[in-house]
Amino acid sequence: MPPAYFDTRFKLGLPLAELPDSFAIITAYATTGEVWAAEDNNAANEALRAELERGGQFIGAITGYSPITQHAEPGYAAALEFEEACKIGARFKQDAIYFVSSGTLFVSHCNHRRNLKPITQFSKRVDSNV
């Protein structure tokens, strides 16, 4: 798993206190190592949002970014179980998703290598936009 996954910080579009005890963080932008046109990234991300909204799983916008390179990807917090989040991530061609449970931030591959790897307390990685 790329080391950058363990350094990611998050900008929230809603107050931290409004997040549930357990949720997934998913984006649909080009997966690690790939480059997609801006319109392809945007179309994939909008399709992901629409799917989460249809399923009643959409919580809010969240952007993951690297504090080192400043690379950022808008994505979504979603009320999903871990396995379902991985399946959705894989459908949207993602290498990995983030998952928060009881305040702990985890990262996991979406494919057959699924395994929650703890990072730190989620609140330590949040920069609120509200």
C-alpha atoms as a PDB file:
ATOM      1  CA  MET A   1       0.000   0.000   0.000  1.00  0.00           C
ATOM      2  CA  PRO A   2       1.479   3.400  -0.935  1.00  0.00           C
ATOM      3  CA  PRO A   3       2.863   5.234   2.123  1.00  0.00           C
ATOM      4  CA  ALA A   4       0.956   8.381   1.107  1.00  0.00           C
ATOM      5  CA  TYR A   5      -2.284   6.648   2.130  1.00  0.00           C
ATOM      6  CA  PHE A   6      -1.102   6.810   5.735  1.00  0.00           C
ATOM      7  CA  ASP A   7      -0.420  10.576   5.620  1.00  0.00           C
ATOM      8  CA  THR A   8      -3.778  11.704   4.186  1.00  0.00           C
ATOM      9  CA  ARG A   9      -5.673  14.514   5.907  1.00  0.00           C
ATOM     10  CA  PHE A  10      -9.343  15.371   5.400  1.00  0.00           C
ATOM     11  CA  LYS A  11     -11.355  18.537   4.863  1.00  0.00           C
ATOM     12  CA  LEU A  12     -14.960  18.097   5.944  1.00  0.00           C
ATOM     13  CA  GLY A  13     -18.010  19.770   4.460  1.00  0.00           C
ATOM     14  CA  LEU A  14     -19.946  19.195   7.694  1.00  0.00           C
ATOM     15  CA  PRO A  15     -19.177  19.347  11.419  1.00  0.00           C
ATOM     16  CA  LEU A  16     -17.172  16.430  12.783  1.00  0.00           C
ATOM     17  CA  ALA A  17     -19.811  15.923  15.485  1.00  0.00           C
ATOM     18  CA  GLU A  18     -22.447  15.142  12.798  1.00  0.00           C
ATOM     19  CA  LEU A  19     -20.604  12.049  11.561  1.00  0.00           C
ATOM     20  CA  PRO A  20     -21.822   8.632  12.719  1.00  0.00           C
ATOM     21  CA  ASP A  21     -19.683   6.230  14.745  1.00  0.00           C
ATOM     22  CA  SER A  22     -18.864   4.201  11.631  1.00  0.00           C
ATOM     23  CA  PHE A  23     -18.631   5.346   8.002  1.00  0.00           C
ATOM     24  CA  ALA A  24     -16.621   4.988   4.800  1.00  0.00           C
ATOM     25  CA  ILE A  25     -14.720   7.632   2.865  1.00  0.00           C
ATOM     26  CA  ILE A  26     -14.787   6.969  -0.871  1.00  0.00           C
ATOM     27  CA  THR A  27     -13.699   8.900  -3.930  1.00  0.00           C
ATOM     28  CA  ALA A  28     -14.100   8.052  -7.600  1.00  0.00           C
ATOM     29  CA  TYR A  29     -11.136   9.996  -8.979  1.00  0.00           C
ATOM     30  CA  ALA A  30      -8.337   8.290 -10.912  1.00  0.00           C
ATOM     31  CA  THR A  31      -6.837   5.533  -8.834  1.00  0.00           C
ATOM     32  CA  THR A  32      -3.250   5.739  -7.619  1.00  0.00           C
ATOM     33  CA  GLY A  33      -0.799   5.705 -10.501  1.00  0.00           C
ATOM     34  CA  GLU A  34      -3.355   6.649 -13.152  1.00  0.00           C
ATOM     35  CA  VAL A  35      -4.191   9.989 -14.736  1.00  0.00           C
ATOM     36  CA  TRP A  36      -7.703  10.723 -15.983  1.00  0.00           C
ATOM     37  CA  ALA A  37      -9.032  13.819 -17.709  1.00  0.00           C
ATOM     38  CA  ALA A  38     -10.732  16.291 -15.358  1.00  0.00           C
ATOM     39  CA  GLU A  39     -14.128  15.628 -16.957  1.00  0.00           C
ATOM     40  CA  ASP A  40     -13.703  11.866 -16.384  1.00  0.00           C
ATOM     41  CA  ASN A  41     -12.808  12.421 -12.723  1.00  0.00           C
ATOM     42  CA  ASN A  42     -15.778  14.734 -12.243  1.00  0.00           C
ATOM     43  CA  ALA A  43     -18.203  12.406 -14.025  1.00  0.00           C
ATOM     44  CA  ALA A  44     -17.084   9.424 -11.940  1.00  0.00           C
ATOM     45  CA  ASN A  45     -17.346  11.402  -8.705  1.00  0.00           C
ATOM     46  CA  GLU A  46     -20.851  12.623  -9.575  1.00  0.00           C
ATOM     47  CA  ALA A  47     -21.911   9.060 -10.429  1.00  0.00           C
ATOM     48  CA  LEU A  48     -20.599   7.926  -7.029  1.00  0.00           C
ATOM     49  CA  ARG A  49     -22.512  10.678  -5.249  1.00  0.00           C
ATOM     50  CA  ALA A  50     -25.706   9.784  -7.120  1.00  0.00           C
ATOM     51  CA  GLU A  51     -25.330   6.105  -6.195  1.00  0.00           C
ATOM     52  CA  LEU A  52     -24.787   6.936  -2.514  1.00  0.00           C
ATOM     53  CA  GLU A  53     -27.751   9.337  -2.480  1.00  0.00           C
ATOM     54  CA  ARG A  54     -30.044   6.774  -4.166  1.00  0.00           C
ATOM     55  CA  GLY A  55     -29.093   4.200  -1.546  1.00  0.00           C
ATOM     56  CA  GLY A  56     -29.608   6.658   1.305  1.00  0.00           C
ATOM     57  CA  GLN A  57     -25.952   6.242   2.291  1.00  0.00           C
ATOM     58  CA  PHE A  58     -24.679   9.741   1.493  1.00  0.00           C
ATOM     59  CA  ILE A  59     -23.548  11.666   4.587  1.00  0.00           C
ATOM     60  CA  GLY A  60     -21.583  14.574   3.138  1.00  0.00           C
ATOM     61  CA  ALA A  61     -18.647  15.814   1.127  1.00  0.00           C
ATOM     62  CA  ILE A  62     -15.125  15.126   2.313  1.00  0.00           C
ATOM     63  CA  THR A  63     -11.836  15.845   0.572  1.00  0.00           C
ATOM     64  CA  GLY A  64      -8.730  13.797   1.213  1.00  0.00           C
ATOM     65  CA  TYR A  65      -5.434  15.546   0.597  1.00  0.00           C
ATOM     66  CA  SER A  66      -1.719  15.116   1.009  1.00  0.00           C
ATOM     67  CA  PRO A  67      -0.141  17.635   3.390  1.00  0.00           C
ATOM     68  CA  ILE A  68       3.147  17.026   1.548  1.00  0.00           C
ATOM     69  CA  THR A  69       2.161  17.375  -2.123  1.00  0.00           C
ATOM     70  CA  GLN A  70      -1.207  19.146  -1.620  1.00  0.00           C
ATOM     71  CA  HIS A  71      -2.781  16.659  -4.075  1.00  0.00           C
ATOM     72  CA  ALA A  72      -6.487  16.557  -3.177  1.00  0.00           C
ATOM     73  CA  GLU A  73      -9.440  14.394  -4.166  1.00  0.00           C
ATOM     74  CA  PRO A  74     -13.025  15.277  -3.369  1.00  0.00           C
ATOM     75  CA  GLY A  75     -15.076  12.355  -2.193  1.00  0.00           C
ATOM     76  CA  TYR A  76     -17.846  11.406   0.180  1.00  0.00           C
ATOM     77  CA  ALA A  77     -18.518  10.127   3.658  1.00  0.00           C
ATOM     78  CA  ALA A  78     -21.046   7.308   3.387  1.00  0.00           C
ATOM     79  CA  ALA A  79     -22.998   5.237   5.892  1.00  0.00           C
ATOM     80  CA  LEU A  80     -21.739   1.869   4.697  1.00  0.00           C
ATOM     81  CA  GLU A  81     -20.446  -1.335   6.211  1.00  0.00           C
ATOM     82  CA  PHE A  82     -16.804  -2.068   5.414  1.00  0.00           C
ATOM     83  CA  GLU A  83     -17.426  -4.839   2.853  1.00  0.00           C
ATOM     84  CA  GLU A  84     -20.024  -2.800   0.946  1.00  0.00           C
ATOM     85  CA  ALA A  85     -17.703   0.225   0.914  1.00  0.00           C
ATOM     86  CA  CYS A  86     -14.943  -1.917  -0.600  1.00  0.00           C
ATOM     87  CA  LYS A  87     -17.317  -3.268  -3.255  1.00  0.00           C
ATOM     88  CA  ILE A  88     -18.383   0.252  -4.220  1.00  0.00           C
ATOM     89  CA  GLY A  89     -14.768   1.431  -4.231  1.00  0.00           C
ATOM     90  CA  ALA A  90     -13.824  -1.436  -6.546  1.00  0.00           C
ATOM     91  CA  ARG A  91     -16.752  -0.656  -8.872  1.00  0.00           C
ATOM     92  CA  PHE A  92     -15.443   2.906  -9.112  1.00  0.00           C
ATOM     93  CA  LYS A  93     -11.922   1.631  -9.921  1.00  0.00           C
ATOM     94  CA  GLN A  94     -10.415   2.603  -6.570  1.00  0.00           C
ATOM     95  CA  ASP A  95      -7.316   1.001  -5.117  1.00  0.00           C
ATOM     96  CA  ALA A  96      -8.381   1.764  -1.552  1.00  0.00           C
ATOM     97  CA  ILE A  97     -10.976   3.350   0.711  1.00  0.00           C
ATOM     98  CA  TYR A  98     -10.815   4.849   4.174  1.00  0.00           C
ATOM     99  CA  PHE A  99     -13.050   3.621   6.940  1.00  0.00           C
ATOM    100  CA  VAL A 100     -13.778   5.137  10.332  1.00  0.00           C
ATOM    101  CA  SER A 101     -14.982   3.036  13.229  1.00  0.00           C
ATOM    102  CA  SER A 102     -15.282   4.185  16.857  1.00  0.00           C
ATOM    103  CA  GLY A 103     -13.146   7.218  16.035  1.00  0.00           C
ATOM    104  CA  THR A 104     -10.271   5.272  14.466  1.00  0.00           C
ATOM    105  CA  LEU A 105      -9.252   5.942  10.864  1.00  0.00           C
ATOM    106  CA  PHE A 106      -8.380   2.875   8.796  1.00  0.00           C
ATOM    107  CA  VAL A 107      -7.329   2.325   5.189  1.00  0.00           C
ATOM    108  CA  SER A 108      -7.940  -0.786   3.116  1.00  0.00           C
ATOM    109  CA  HIS A 109      -7.497  -2.012  -0.418  1.00  0.00           C
ATOM    110  CA  CYS A 110     -10.785  -2.584  -2.229  1.00  0.00           C
ATOM    111  CA  ASN A 111      -9.814  -5.849  -3.916  1.00  0.00           C
ATOM    112  CA  HIS A 112      -9.002  -9.321  -2.543  1.00  0.00           C
ATOM    113  CA  ARG A 113      -6.359  -7.714  -0.247  1.00  0.00           C
ATOM    114  CA  ARG A 114      -9.095  -6.109   1.887  1.00  0.00           C
ATOM    115  CA  ASN A 115      -7.798  -5.604   5.375  1.00  0.00           C
ATOM    116  CA  LEU A 116      -8.397  -2.686   7.729  1.00  0.00           C
ATOM    117  CA  LYS A 117      -5.066  -1.083   8.545  1.00  0.00           C
ATOM    118  CA  PRO A 118      -5.280   1.394  11.438  1.00  0.00           C
ATOM    119  CA  ILE A 119      -3.798   4.852  10.915  1.00  0.00           C
ATOM    120  CA  THR A 120      -4.740   7.072  13.888  1.00  0.00           C
ATOM    121  CA  GLN A 121      -7.722   8.768  15.491  1.00  0.00           C
ATOM    122  CA  PHE A 122      -9.798  10.314  12.689  1.00  0.00           C
ATOM    123  CA  SER A 123     -10.178  13.620  14.555  1.00  0.00           C
ATOM    124  CA  LYS A 124      -6.386  14.083  14.407  1.00  0.00           C
ATOM    125  CA  ARG A 125      -6.568  14.115  10.595  1.00  0.00           C
ATOM    126  CA  VAL A 126      -9.508  16.494  10.148  1.00  0.00           C
ATOM    127  CA  ASP A 127      -9.433  20.120   9.026  1.00  0.00           C
ATOM    128  CA  SER A 128     -13.019  21.331   9.229  1.00  0.00           C
ATOM    129  CA  ASN A 129     -14.357  23.611   6.477  1.00  0.00           C
ATOM    130  CA  VAL A 130     -17.410  24.616   8.520  1.00  0.00           C
END
